[in-house]
C-alpha atoms as a PDB file:
ATOM      1  CA  MET A   1      -0.011  -0.004   0.003  1.00  0.00           C
ATOM      2  CA  LYS A   2       2.776   2.421   0.930  1.00  0.00           C
ATOM      3  CA  SER A   3       4.477   1.855  -2.437  1.00  0.00           C
ATOM      4  CA  LEU A   4       1.257   2.901  -4.143  1.00  0.00           C
ATOM      5  CA  LEU A   5       1.213   6.067  -2.082  1.00  0.00           C
ATOM      6  CA  ILE A   6       4.814   6.916  -3.035  1.00  0.00           C
ATOM      7  CA  ALA A   7       4.132   6.906  -6.808  1.00  0.00           C
ATOM      8  CA  GLY A   8       3.539  10.495  -8.084  1.00  0.00           C
ATOM      9  CA  ALA A   9       3.246  13.660  -5.944  1.00  0.00           C
ATOM     10  CA  SER A  10       4.761  15.940  -8.528  1.00  0.00           C
ATOM     11  CA  SER A  11       1.410  16.988  -9.945  1.00  0.00           C
ATOM     12  CA  LEU A  12       0.120  18.432  -6.657  1.00  0.00           C
ATOM     13  CA  LEU A  13       3.528  19.863  -5.837  1.00  0.00           C
ATOM     14  CA  LEU A  14       3.500  21.617  -9.210  1.00  0.00           C
ATOM     15  CA  THR A  15      -0.027  22.874  -8.577  1.00  0.00           C
ATOM     16  CA  LEU A  16       1.129  24.241  -5.213  1.00  0.00           C
ATOM     17  CA  GLY A  17       4.186  25.702  -6.873  1.00  0.00           C
ATOM     18  CA  MET A  18       6.437  23.629  -4.678  1.00  0.00           C
ATOM     19  CA  SER A  19       8.657  21.840  -7.153  1.00  0.00           C
ATOM     20  CA  SER A  20       8.827  20.007 -10.407  1.00  0.00           C
ATOM     21  CA  ILE A  21      10.837  17.139  -8.971  1.00  0.00           C
ATOM     22  CA  PRO A  22       8.854  14.135  -7.720  1.00  0.00           C
ATOM     23  CA  ALA A  23       8.273  13.672  -3.998  1.00  0.00           C
ATOM     24  CA  PRO A  24       6.374  11.054  -2.036  1.00  0.00           C
ATOM     25  CA  SER A  25       2.937  10.732  -3.592  1.00  0.00           C
ATOM     26  CA  PHE A  26       1.074  10.735  -0.327  1.00  0.00           C
ATOM     27  CA  ALA A  27       1.939  14.400  -0.082  1.00  0.00           C
ATOM     28  CA  GLN A  28      -0.172  14.964  -3.141  1.00  0.00           C
ATOM     29  CA  SER A  29      -3.289  13.882  -1.299  1.00  0.00           C
ATOM     30  CA  ALA A  30      -5.606  16.829  -0.870  1.00  0.00           C
ATOM     31  CA  ASN A  31      -7.129  15.058   2.126  1.00  0.00           C
ATOM     32  CA  ILE A  32      -5.244  13.526   5.079  1.00  0.00           C
ATOM     33  CA  GLN A  33      -7.640  10.608   5.236  1.00  0.00           C
ATOM     34  CA  GLY A  34      -6.166   9.422   1.940  1.00  0.00           C
ATOM     35  CA  ILE A  35      -2.848   8.680   3.607  1.00  0.00           C
ATOM     36  CA  SER A  36      -3.662   8.192   7.294  1.00  0.00           C
ATOM     37  CA  SER A  37      -4.070   4.432   7.113  1.00  0.00           C
ATOM     38  CA  SER A  38      -0.462   3.867   6.011  1.00  0.00           C
ATOM     39  CA  VAL A  39       1.421   6.484   8.045  1.00  0.00           C
ATOM     40  CA  SER A  40       2.059   6.456  11.826  1.00  0.00           C
ATOM     41  CA  ARG A  41       0.581   9.202  14.005  1.00  0.00           C
ATOM     42  CA  SER A  42       1.930  11.095  17.012  1.00  0.00           C
ATOM     43  CA  ARG A  43       0.098  13.646  19.151  1.00  0.00           C
ATOM     44  CA  VAL A  44       1.846  17.007  19.431  1.00  0.00           C
ATOM     45  CA  THR A  45       2.052  18.263  23.016  1.00  0.00           C
ATOM     46  CA  PHE A  46       3.681  21.343  24.456  1.00  0.00           C
ATOM     47  CA  ALA A  47       5.761  21.471  27.651  1.00  0.00           C
ATOM     48  CA  LYS A  48       3.928  23.050  30.577  1.00  0.00           C
ATOM     49  CA  GLY A  49       3.771  26.805  30.086  1.00  0.00           C
ATOM     50  CA  LYS A  50       4.937  26.618  26.455  1.00  0.00           C
ATOM     51  CA  SER A  51       3.036  27.225  23.243  1.00  0.00           C
ATOM     52  CA  SER A  52       5.541  25.757  20.775  1.00  0.00           C
ATOM     53  CA  THR A  53       7.641  22.681  20.154  1.00  0.00           C
ATOM     54  CA  THR A  54      10.251  21.537  17.663  1.00  0.00           C
ATOM     55  CA  ILE A  55       9.942  18.267  15.724  1.00  0.00           C
ATOM     56  CA  ASN A  56      12.844  16.502  14.039  1.00  0.00           C
ATOM     57  CA  GLY A  57      12.427  13.416  11.906  1.00  0.00           C
ATOM     58  CA  ALA A  58      13.029  11.377   8.813  1.00  0.00           C
ATOM     59  CA  GLU A  59      10.192   8.895   9.085  1.00  0.00           C
ATOM     60  CA  ASP A  60       6.893   9.465   7.403  1.00  0.00           C
ATOM     61  CA  ARG A  61       4.606  10.553  10.250  1.00  0.00           C
ATOM     62  CA  ILE A  62       1.387  12.491  10.833  1.00  0.00           C
ATOM     63  CA  TYR A  63       1.619  14.884  13.783  1.00  0.00           C
ATOM     64  CA  VAL A  64      -1.831  15.643  15.259  1.00  0.00           C
ATOM     65  CA  LEU A  65      -2.334  18.925  17.105  1.00  0.00           C
ATOM     66  CA  ARG A  66      -5.502  19.931  18.948  1.00  0.00           C
ATOM     67  CA  ALA A  67      -6.309  23.652  18.689  1.00  0.00           C
ATOM     68  CA  LYS A  68      -9.197  26.126  18.976  1.00  0.00           C
ATOM     69  CA  ALA A  69     -10.927  28.327  16.464  1.00  0.00           C
ATOM     70  CA  GLY A  70      -9.352  31.786  16.244  1.00  0.00           C
ATOM     71  CA  GLN A  71      -5.867  30.661  17.364  1.00  0.00           C
ATOM     72  CA  ARG A  72      -2.923  31.170  15.056  1.00  0.00           C
ATOM     73  CA  LEU A  73      -0.807  28.200  14.137  1.00  0.00           C
ATOM     74  CA  THR A  74       2.678  29.045  12.978  1.00  0.00           C
ATOM     75  CA  LEU A  75       4.677  26.406  11.168  1.00  0.00           C
ATOM     76  CA  ASN A  76       8.394  27.184  10.802  1.00  0.00           C
ATOM     77  CA  VAL A  77      10.379  24.737   8.717  1.00  0.00           C
ATOM     78  CA  THR A  78      14.060  25.019   9.573  1.00  0.00           C
ATOM     79  CA  ASN A  79      15.613  22.058   7.756  1.00  0.00           C
ATOM     80  CA  LEU A  80      14.460  19.957   4.861  1.00  0.00           C
ATOM     81  CA  GLY A  81      16.525  17.274   3.186  1.00  0.00           C
ATOM     82  CA  ALA A  82      16.243  17.142  -0.563  1.00  0.00           C
ATOM     83  CA  ARG A  83      13.313  14.717  -0.596  1.00  0.00           C
ATOM     84  CA  ALA A  84      11.755  15.665   2.738  1.00  0.00           C
ATOM     85  CA  GLY A  85       8.654  17.740   3.246  1.00  0.00           C
ATOM     86  CA  VAL A  86       6.168  19.162   5.729  1.00  0.00           C
ATOM     87  CA  VAL A  87       2.495  19.616   4.894  1.00  0.00           C
ATOM     88  CA  LEU A  88      -0.319  21.121   7.025  1.00  0.00           C
ATOM     89  CA  TYR A  89      -3.912  19.887   6.833  1.00  0.00           C
ATOM     90  CA  ASN A  90      -6.850  21.636   8.511  1.00  0.00           C
ATOM     91  CA  SER A  91      -9.313  20.154  11.010  1.00  0.00           C
ATOM     92  CA  LYS A  92     -11.414  18.756   8.183  1.00  0.00           C
ATOM     93  CA  GLY A  93      -8.359  16.985   6.781  1.00  0.00           C
ATOM     94  CA  LYS A  94      -7.940  19.275   3.762  1.00  0.00           C
ATOM     95  CA  LEU A  95      -4.579  20.477   2.525  1.00  0.00           C
ATOM     96  CA  VAL A  96      -3.590  23.980   3.682  1.00  0.00           C
ATOM     97  CA  LYS A  97       0.100  24.487   2.790  1.00  0.00           C
ATOM     98  CA  GLY A  98       3.228  22.456   2.296  1.00  0.00           C
ATOM     99  CA  PHE A  99       6.981  22.729   1.874  1.00  0.00           C
ATOM    100  CA  ASN A 100       9.468  20.354   0.350  1.00  0.00           C
ATOM    101  CA  GLY A 101      13.238  20.345   0.168  1.00  0.00           C
ATOM    102  CA  TYR A 102      13.625  20.891  -3.577  1.00  0.00           C
ATOM    103  CA  GLY A 103      14.470  24.464  -4.337  1.00  0.00           C
ATOM    104  CA  LEU A 104      12.748  25.952  -1.344  1.00  0.00           C
ATOM    105  CA  GLY A 105      15.657  25.828   1.034  1.00  0.00           C
ATOM    106  CA  ASN A 106      15.225  26.179   4.747  1.00  0.00           C
ATOM    107  CA  GLY A 107      13.740  28.840   6.964  1.00  0.00           C
ATOM    108  CA  LYS A 108      10.270  28.842   5.435  1.00  0.00           C
ATOM    109  CA  SER A 109       7.322  29.656   7.637  1.00  0.00           C
ATOM    110  CA  PHE A 110       3.700  30.713   7.576  1.00  0.00           C
ATOM    111  CA  THR A 111       0.922  31.468  10.030  1.00  0.00           C
ATOM    112  CA  TYR A 112      -2.596  30.144   9.631  1.00  0.00           C
ATOM    113  CA  LYS A 113      -5.601  31.484  11.566  1.00  0.00           C
ATOM    114  CA  LEU A 114      -7.552  28.399  12.619  1.00  0.00           C
ATOM    115  CA  PRO A 115     -11.139  28.495  11.325  1.00  0.00           C
ATOM    116  CA  SER A 116     -12.482  25.791  13.686  1.00  0.00           C
ATOM    117  CA  THR A 117     -11.746  23.856  16.825  1.00  0.00           C
ATOM    118  CA  GLY A 118     -10.399  20.382  16.338  1.00  0.00           C
ATOM    119  CA  ASP A 119      -7.416  18.316  15.371  1.00  0.00           C
ATOM    120  CA  TYR A 120      -4.985  19.721  12.758  1.00  0.00           C
ATOM    121  CA  TYR A 121      -2.555  17.457  10.959  1.00  0.00           C
ATOM    122  CA  ILE A 122       1.036  18.012   9.983  1.00  0.00           C
ATOM    123  CA  LEU A 123       2.529  15.437   7.655  1.00  0.00           C
ATOM    124  CA  GLY A 124       6.309  15.105   7.903  1.00  0.00           C
ATOM    125  CA  TYR A 125       7.887  12.890   5.278  1.00  0.00           C
ATOM    126  CA  GLY A 126      11.494  11.863   4.656  1.00  0.00           C
ATOM    127  CA  GLY A 127      11.075  10.577   1.134  1.00  0.00           C
ATOM    128  CA  PRO A 128      12.260   7.209  -0.077  1.00  0.00           C
ATOM    129  CA  THR A 129      15.756   7.716   1.291  1.00  0.00           C
ATOM    130  CA  TYR A 130      14.772   9.126   4.723  1.00  0.00           C
ATOM    131  CA  HIS A 131      15.927  12.744   4.344  1.00  0.00           C
ATOM    132  CA  VAL A 132      15.434  14.753   7.562  1.00  0.00           C
ATOM    133  CA  TYR A 133      12.893  17.416   8.286  1.00  0.00           C
ATOM    134  CA  ASP A 134      12.966  19.827  11.192  1.00  0.00           C
ATOM    135  CA  PHE A 135      10.134  22.203  12.020  1.00  0.00           C
ATOM    136  CA  SER A 136       8.605  24.051  14.903  1.00  0.00           C
ATOM    137  CA  VAL A 137       4.915  24.504  15.473  1.00  0.00           C
ATOM    138  CA  SER A 138       3.342  27.085  17.772  1.00  0.00           C
ATOM    139  CA  ILE A 139      -0.189  28.019  18.715  1.00  0.00           C
ATOM    140  CA  LYS A 140      -1.120  31.450  20.064  1.00  0.00           C
END
């Protein structure tokens, strides 16, 4: 199943203006439910008194973050290997924004005002050769 998911993300990445070089195809899914059955999940938690955390990885993983309507989620990508990427999905599982390592470099960030209360999903992927991704996520 996972090999089917890693077949052709370049079309979505082109649509998003991310890159013309192929990346894992599950990143092309416009809905997180399309990939959630084959990718491990982890719940994002903040240390007591903190509103942000840093995540480092190379494995394909969905990070789930509970947040409230009106809060601002900031995603700051600080390191992406050539085939790595980080993609945010909203509480309805729809694609919001993504970054990959081809041509975008590091230090990319954006802030998203959350339209509803619920779980938000951040897909981190390392590509077929486990390139690293590092990002921080904060809620205010």
